[in-house]
Amino acid sequence: MSESHDLPAVERITVGAVGPPGQRLFLLQARQGPEVVTLKLEKVQVAALSQSLAKLLSGLGRTAAASEAVDLEEPTEPEWIVGTLGVGYDEDSDRILLIAEELTPDDEDDLLAGVARFGTTREQVAALAIRGTQLVEAGRPSCPLCGYPLDPSGHACPRTNGHRPPTL
C-alpha cells in the first residue's frame, strides 16, 4: 500500500522534469511544512493539468496574479506514479484542490492505492499552469508531417513510411 497525503494548504507546488528531452521524467511536487510530496506524471498529464487549471481559473471570474514559479526541490525521487488527476474548487476556503490517485495494476485492489490531495491558492495554480505549459513546450519539436516528436538521432515518420521524403 502506497502512502496517501492530505495537504490542505500547500506552501509551494510545482511541476518539473528531470533528464534530457525525450527521456524526461515529469514530476508534480508539493510542500506543506516539513512534508514534501513528489509524484511521477506523464507529459500528457502535465499538459492536461495545465489546461484544466487555466480553464478553471478563467471560470472563477476573478483573475489571480501568478505567484513566482518554483523549481523542484530535493528529493526528486517520486513516491508513486499518478494514474488519474482531478481538479476542483472549494468555495468556502477559496482553494483549488488537486487530487492525484496512484496508478495501480489491473490485478491490484484500488483501495490500496495512494491518494494525494493538495489545497492551493489561485496564485499558485496560475503559476503551476504557466510552468506546466512551458515545460511541455520545451520538449522535442514535432514533425510537421505526422506530429510525432523529432529525435536528434533521427525520425522514422509514418507519413513517409520512414524510408524516403514525402512527395508534396
C-alpha atoms as a PDB file:
ATOM      1  CA  MET A   1       0.000   0.000   0.000  1.00  0.00           C
ATOM      2  CA  SER A   2       1.390   3.383  -1.000  1.00  0.00           C
ATOM      3  CA  GLU A   3       1.290   6.330   1.314  1.00  0.00           C
ATOM      4  CA  SER A   4      -1.534   8.866   0.951  1.00  0.00           C
ATOM      5  CA  HIS A   5      -1.152  12.592   1.598  1.00  0.00           C
ATOM      6  CA  ASP A   6      -3.573  15.356   2.568  1.00  0.00           C
ATOM      7  CA  LEU A   7      -2.035  18.830   2.334  1.00  0.00           C
ATOM      8  CA  PRO A   8      -4.951  21.284   2.660  1.00  0.00           C
ATOM      9  CA  ALA A   9      -2.820  24.451   2.404  1.00  0.00           C
ATOM     10  CA  VAL A  10       0.363  23.854   0.428  1.00  0.00           C
ATOM     11  CA  GLU A  11       3.118  26.438   0.710  1.00  0.00           C
ATOM     12  CA  ARG A  12       4.518  25.561  -2.691  1.00  0.00           C
ATOM     13  CA  ILE A  13       3.503  23.423  -5.639  1.00  0.00           C
ATOM     14  CA  THR A  14       5.254  22.934  -8.950  1.00  0.00           C
ATOM     15  CA  VAL A  15       5.848  20.659 -11.888  1.00  0.00           C
ATOM     16  CA  GLY A  16       9.267  19.896 -13.269  1.00  0.00           C
ATOM     17  CA  ALA A  17      11.245  17.491 -15.383  1.00  0.00           C
ATOM     18  CA  VAL A  18      14.469  15.627 -14.818  1.00  0.00           C
ATOM     19  CA  GLY A  19      16.592  14.407 -17.734  1.00  0.00           C
ATOM     20  CA  PRO A  20      17.118  15.334 -21.384  1.00  0.00           C
ATOM     21  CA  PRO A  21      14.206  15.878 -23.823  1.00  0.00           C
ATOM     22  CA  GLY A  22      12.871  12.551 -24.995  1.00  0.00           C
ATOM     23  CA  GLN A  23      13.866  10.881 -21.744  1.00  0.00           C
ATOM     24  CA  ARG A  24      12.434  13.328 -19.229  1.00  0.00           C
ATOM     25  CA  LEU A  25      10.801  12.242 -16.008  1.00  0.00           C
ATOM     26  CA  PHE A  26       7.884  14.593 -15.237  1.00  0.00           C
ATOM     27  CA  LEU A  27       7.151  15.318 -11.587  1.00  0.00           C
ATOM     28  CA  LEU A  28       4.475  17.060  -9.534  1.00  0.00           C
ATOM     29  CA  GLN A  29       5.785  18.294  -6.200  1.00  0.00           C
ATOM     30  CA  ALA A  30       4.072  19.982  -3.247  1.00  0.00           C
ATOM     31  CA  ARG A  31       5.231  21.111   0.181  1.00  0.00           C
ATOM     32  CA  GLN A  32       3.353  21.892   3.364  1.00  0.00           C
ATOM     33  CA  GLY A  33       5.555  22.423   6.397  1.00  0.00           C
ATOM     34  CA  PRO A  34       8.240  19.748   6.511  1.00  0.00           C
ATOM     35  CA  GLU A  35       6.283  17.361   4.272  1.00  0.00           C
ATOM     36  CA  VAL A  36       7.376  17.234   0.622  1.00  0.00           C
ATOM     37  CA  VAL A  37       5.392  15.038  -1.775  1.00  0.00           C
ATOM     38  CA  THR A  38       6.854  14.163  -5.181  1.00  0.00           C
ATOM     39  CA  LEU A  39       4.791  12.189  -7.711  1.00  0.00           C
ATOM     40  CA  LYS A  40       5.556  10.980 -11.240  1.00  0.00           C
ATOM     41  CA  LEU A  41       3.386  12.180 -14.139  1.00  0.00           C
ATOM     42  CA  GLU A  42       3.332  11.622 -17.871  1.00  0.00           C
ATOM     43  CA  LYS A  43       3.906  14.567 -20.198  1.00  0.00           C
ATOM     44  CA  VAL A  44       0.295  14.405 -21.430  1.00  0.00           C
ATOM     45  CA  GLN A  45      -0.897  14.615 -17.809  1.00  0.00           C
ATOM     46  CA  VAL A  46       1.161  17.786 -17.274  1.00  0.00           C
ATOM     47  CA  ALA A  47      -0.365  19.281 -20.437  1.00  0.00           C
ATOM     48  CA  ALA A  48      -3.918  18.299 -19.449  1.00  0.00           C
ATOM     49  CA  LEU A  49      -3.437  19.554 -15.884  1.00  0.00           C
ATOM     50  CA  SER A  50      -2.170  22.924 -17.138  1.00  0.00           C
ATOM     51  CA  GLN A  51      -5.135  23.299 -19.497  1.00  0.00           C
ATOM     52  CA  SER A  52      -7.658  22.266 -16.832  1.00  0.00           C
ATOM     53  CA  LEU A  53      -6.236  24.676 -14.269  1.00  0.00           C
ATOM     54  CA  ALA A  54      -6.216  27.580 -16.734  1.00  0.00           C
ATOM     55  CA  LYS A  55      -9.839  26.832 -17.667  1.00  0.00           C
ATOM     56  CA  LEU A  56     -10.869  26.567 -14.012  1.00  0.00           C
ATOM     57  CA  LEU A  57      -9.209  29.884 -13.176  1.00  0.00           C
ATOM     58  CA  SER A  58     -10.903  31.667 -16.080  1.00  0.00           C
ATOM     59  CA  GLY A  59     -14.255  30.248 -14.983  1.00  0.00           C
ATOM     60  CA  LEU A  60     -13.890  31.617 -11.466  1.00  0.00           C
ATOM     61  CA  GLY A  61     -14.256  35.152 -12.762  1.00  0.00           C
ATOM     62  CA  ARG A  62     -11.648  36.887 -10.663  1.00  0.00           C
ATOM     63  CA  THR A  63      -8.213  36.504 -12.135  1.00  0.00           C
ATOM     64  CA  ALA A  64      -5.225  35.932  -9.921  1.00  0.00           C
ATOM     65  CA  ALA A  65      -1.708  37.165 -10.479  1.00  0.00           C
ATOM     66  CA  ALA A  66       0.553  34.168 -10.810  1.00  0.00           C
ATOM     67  CA  SER A  67       2.941  33.620  -7.954  1.00  0.00           C
ATOM     68  CA  GLU A  68       6.580  33.121  -8.824  1.00  0.00           C
ATOM     69  CA  ALA A  69       7.277  29.769 -10.462  1.00  0.00           C
ATOM     70  CA  VAL A  70       9.401  27.475  -8.343  1.00  0.00           C
ATOM     71  CA  ASP A  71      11.832  24.729  -9.253  1.00  0.00           C
ATOM     72  CA  LEU A  72      11.736  21.196  -7.929  1.00  0.00           C
ATOM     73  CA  GLU A  73      13.500  20.680  -4.632  1.00  0.00           C
ATOM     74  CA  GLU A  74      15.363  17.615  -3.466  1.00  0.00           C
ATOM     75  CA  PRO A  75      14.469  14.830  -3.184  1.00  0.00           C
ATOM     76  CA  THR A  76      13.142  14.367  -6.705  1.00  0.00           C
ATOM     77  CA  GLU A  77      12.531  10.639  -6.292  1.00  0.00           C
ATOM     78  CA  PRO A  78       8.781  10.069  -6.885  1.00  0.00           C
ATOM     79  CA  GLU A  79       6.779   8.176  -4.266  1.00  0.00           C
ATOM     80  CA  TRP A  80       4.434   6.703  -6.855  1.00  0.00           C
ATOM     81  CA  ILE A  81       3.078   7.113 -10.388  1.00  0.00           C
ATOM     82  CA  VAL A  82      -0.087   9.157 -10.885  1.00  0.00           C
ATOM     83  CA  GLY A  83      -2.897   7.334 -12.683  1.00  0.00           C
ATOM     84  CA  THR A  84      -5.671   9.922 -12.503  1.00  0.00           C
ATOM     85  CA  LEU A  85      -5.751  13.619 -11.710  1.00  0.00           C
ATOM     86  CA  GLY A  86      -8.701  15.731 -10.703  1.00  0.00           C
ATOM     87  CA  VAL A  87      -9.166  19.432 -10.018  1.00  0.00           C
ATOM     88  CA  GLY A  88     -11.929  21.236  -8.192  1.00  0.00           C
ATOM     89  CA  TYR A  89     -12.761  24.425  -6.352  1.00  0.00           C
ATOM     90  CA  ASP A  90     -13.688  24.743  -2.675  1.00  0.00           C
ATOM     91  CA  GLU A  91     -15.741  27.917  -2.394  1.00  0.00           C
ATOM     92  CA  ASP A  92     -15.633  28.015   1.425  1.00  0.00           C
ATOM     93  CA  SER A  93     -11.840  28.136   1.602  1.00  0.00           C
ATOM     94  CA  ASP A  94     -11.313  29.754  -1.830  1.00  0.00           C
ATOM     95  CA  ARG A  95      -8.851  26.953  -2.574  1.00  0.00           C
ATOM     96  CA  ILE A  96      -8.328  24.975  -5.730  1.00  0.00           C
ATOM     97  CA  LEU A  97      -7.964  21.285  -4.981  1.00  0.00           C
ATOM     98  CA  LEU A  98      -5.740  18.898  -6.892  1.00  0.00           C
ATOM     99  CA  ILE A  99      -6.356  15.214  -6.297  1.00  0.00           C
ATOM    100  CA  ALA A 100      -3.919  12.621  -7.622  1.00  0.00           C
ATOM    101  CA  GLU A 101      -4.606   8.899  -7.447  1.00  0.00           C
ATOM    102  CA  GLU A 102      -1.916   6.286  -7.834  1.00  0.00           C
ATOM    103  CA  LEU A 103      -1.744   4.144 -10.949  1.00  0.00           C
ATOM    104  CA  THR A 104      -2.390   0.546  -9.939  1.00  0.00           C
ATOM    105  CA  PRO A 105      -2.029  -2.636 -11.972  1.00  0.00           C
ATOM    106  CA  ASP A 106      -5.324  -4.201 -13.028  1.00  0.00           C
ATOM    107  CA  ASP A 107      -4.892  -7.111 -10.638  1.00  0.00           C
ATOM    108  CA  GLU A 108      -4.419  -4.932  -7.539  1.00  0.00           C
ATOM    109  CA  ASP A 109      -7.085  -3.502  -5.264  1.00  0.00           C
ATOM    110  CA  ASP A 110      -7.730   0.216  -5.902  1.00  0.00           C
ATOM    111  CA  LEU A 111      -8.422   0.647  -2.180  1.00  0.00           C
ATOM    112  CA  LEU A 112      -4.706   0.154  -1.549  1.00  0.00           C
ATOM    113  CA  ALA A 113      -3.717   2.911  -3.983  1.00  0.00           C
ATOM    114  CA  GLY A 114      -2.177   6.131  -2.733  1.00  0.00           C
ATOM    115  CA  VAL A 115      -4.141   9.377  -2.933  1.00  0.00           C
ATOM    116  CA  ALA A 116      -2.701  12.879  -2.658  1.00  0.00           C
ATOM    117  CA  ARG A 117      -4.873  15.958  -2.026  1.00  0.00           C
ATOM    118  CA  PHE A 118      -3.367  19.413  -2.398  1.00  0.00           C
ATOM    119  CA  GLY A 119      -5.187  22.626  -1.443  1.00  0.00           C
ATOM    120  CA  THR A 120      -3.746  25.527  -3.436  1.00  0.00           C
ATOM    121  CA  THR A 121      -4.293  29.250  -3.885  1.00  0.00           C
ATOM    122  CA  ARG A 122      -5.321  30.818  -7.166  1.00  0.00           C
ATOM    123  CA  GLU A 123      -1.879  32.395  -7.445  1.00  0.00           C
ATOM    124  CA  GLN A 124      -0.152  29.040  -7.002  1.00  0.00           C
ATOM    125  CA  VAL A 125      -2.406  27.417  -9.594  1.00  0.00           C
ATOM    126  CA  ALA A 126      -1.827  30.225 -12.100  1.00  0.00           C
ATOM    127  CA  ALA A 127       1.941  29.737 -11.758  1.00  0.00           C
ATOM    128  CA  LEU A 128       1.536  25.948 -11.977  1.00  0.00           C
ATOM    129  CA  ALA A 129      -0.492  26.207 -15.199  1.00  0.00           C
ATOM    130  CA  ILE A 130       2.068  28.527 -16.793  1.00  0.00           C
ATOM    131  CA  ARG A 131       5.029  26.409 -15.710  1.00  0.00           C
ATOM    132  CA  GLY A 132       3.373  23.203 -16.921  1.00  0.00           C
ATOM    133  CA  THR A 133       2.670  24.693 -20.343  1.00  0.00           C
ATOM    134  CA  GLN A 134       6.246  25.962 -20.641  1.00  0.00           C
ATOM    135  CA  LEU A 135       7.610  22.591 -19.557  1.00  0.00           C
ATOM    136  CA  VAL A 136       5.593  20.691 -22.174  1.00  0.00           C
ATOM    137  CA  GLU A 137       6.513  23.156 -24.931  1.00  0.00           C
ATOM    138  CA  ALA A 138      10.224  22.909 -24.042  1.00  0.00           C
ATOM    139  CA  GLY A 139      10.366  19.305 -25.230  1.00  0.00           C
ATOM    140  CA  ARG A 140      11.379  17.943 -28.599  1.00  0.00           C
ATOM    141  CA  PRO A 141       9.947  19.729 -31.644  1.00  0.00           C
ATOM    142  CA  SER A 142       7.142  17.985 -33.521  1.00  0.00           C
ATOM    143  CA  CYS A 143       7.407  16.626 -37.048  1.00  0.00           C
ATOM    144  CA  PRO A 144       5.396  18.903 -39.384  1.00  0.00           C
ATOM    145  CA  LEU A 145       4.051  15.868 -41.252  1.00  0.00           C
ATOM    146  CA  CYS A 146       2.999  13.434 -38.537  1.00  0.00           C
ATOM    147  CA  GLY A 147       3.146  15.411 -35.291  1.00  0.00           C
ATOM    148  CA  TYR A 148       5.384  12.887 -33.530  1.00  0.00           C
ATOM    149  CA  PRO A 149       8.443  14.209 -31.689  1.00  0.00           C
ATOM    150  CA  LEU A 150      11.637  14.629 -33.684  1.00  0.00           C
ATOM    151  CA  ASP A 151      14.602  12.859 -32.115  1.00  0.00           C
ATOM    152  CA  PRO A 152      18.098  14.293 -32.594  1.00  0.00           C
ATOM    153  CA  SER A 153      19.190  10.796 -33.668  1.00  0.00           C
ATOM    154  CA  GLY A 154      16.598  10.630 -36.466  1.00  0.00           C
ATOM    155  CA  HIS A 155      12.887  10.187 -37.070  1.00  0.00           C
ATOM    156  CA  ALA A 156      11.020   7.405 -38.860  1.00  0.00           C
ATOM    157  CA  CYS A 157       7.978   9.368 -39.991  1.00  0.00           C
ATOM    158  CA  PRO A 158       4.877   7.229 -40.593  1.00  0.00           C
ATOM    159  CA  ARG A 159       3.706   9.674 -43.282  1.00  0.00           C
ATOM    160  CA  THR A 160       6.795   8.884 -45.344  1.00  0.00           C
ATOM    161  CA  ASN A 161       6.938   5.236 -44.307  1.00  0.00           C
ATOM    162  CA  GLY A 162      10.194   6.085 -42.583  1.00  0.00           C
ATOM    163  CA  HIS A 163      12.222   5.475 -45.746  1.00  0.00           C
ATOM    164  CA  ARG A 164      12.044   8.456 -48.094  1.00  0.00           C
ATOM    165  CA  PRO A 165      10.983  12.078 -48.114  1.00  0.00           C
ATOM    166  CA  PRO A 166       7.334  12.814 -48.829  1.00  0.00           C
ATOM    167  CA  THR A 167       6.206  13.905 -52.260  1.00  0.00           C
ATOM    168  CA  LEU A 168       4.348  17.130 -51.785  1.00  0.00           C
END
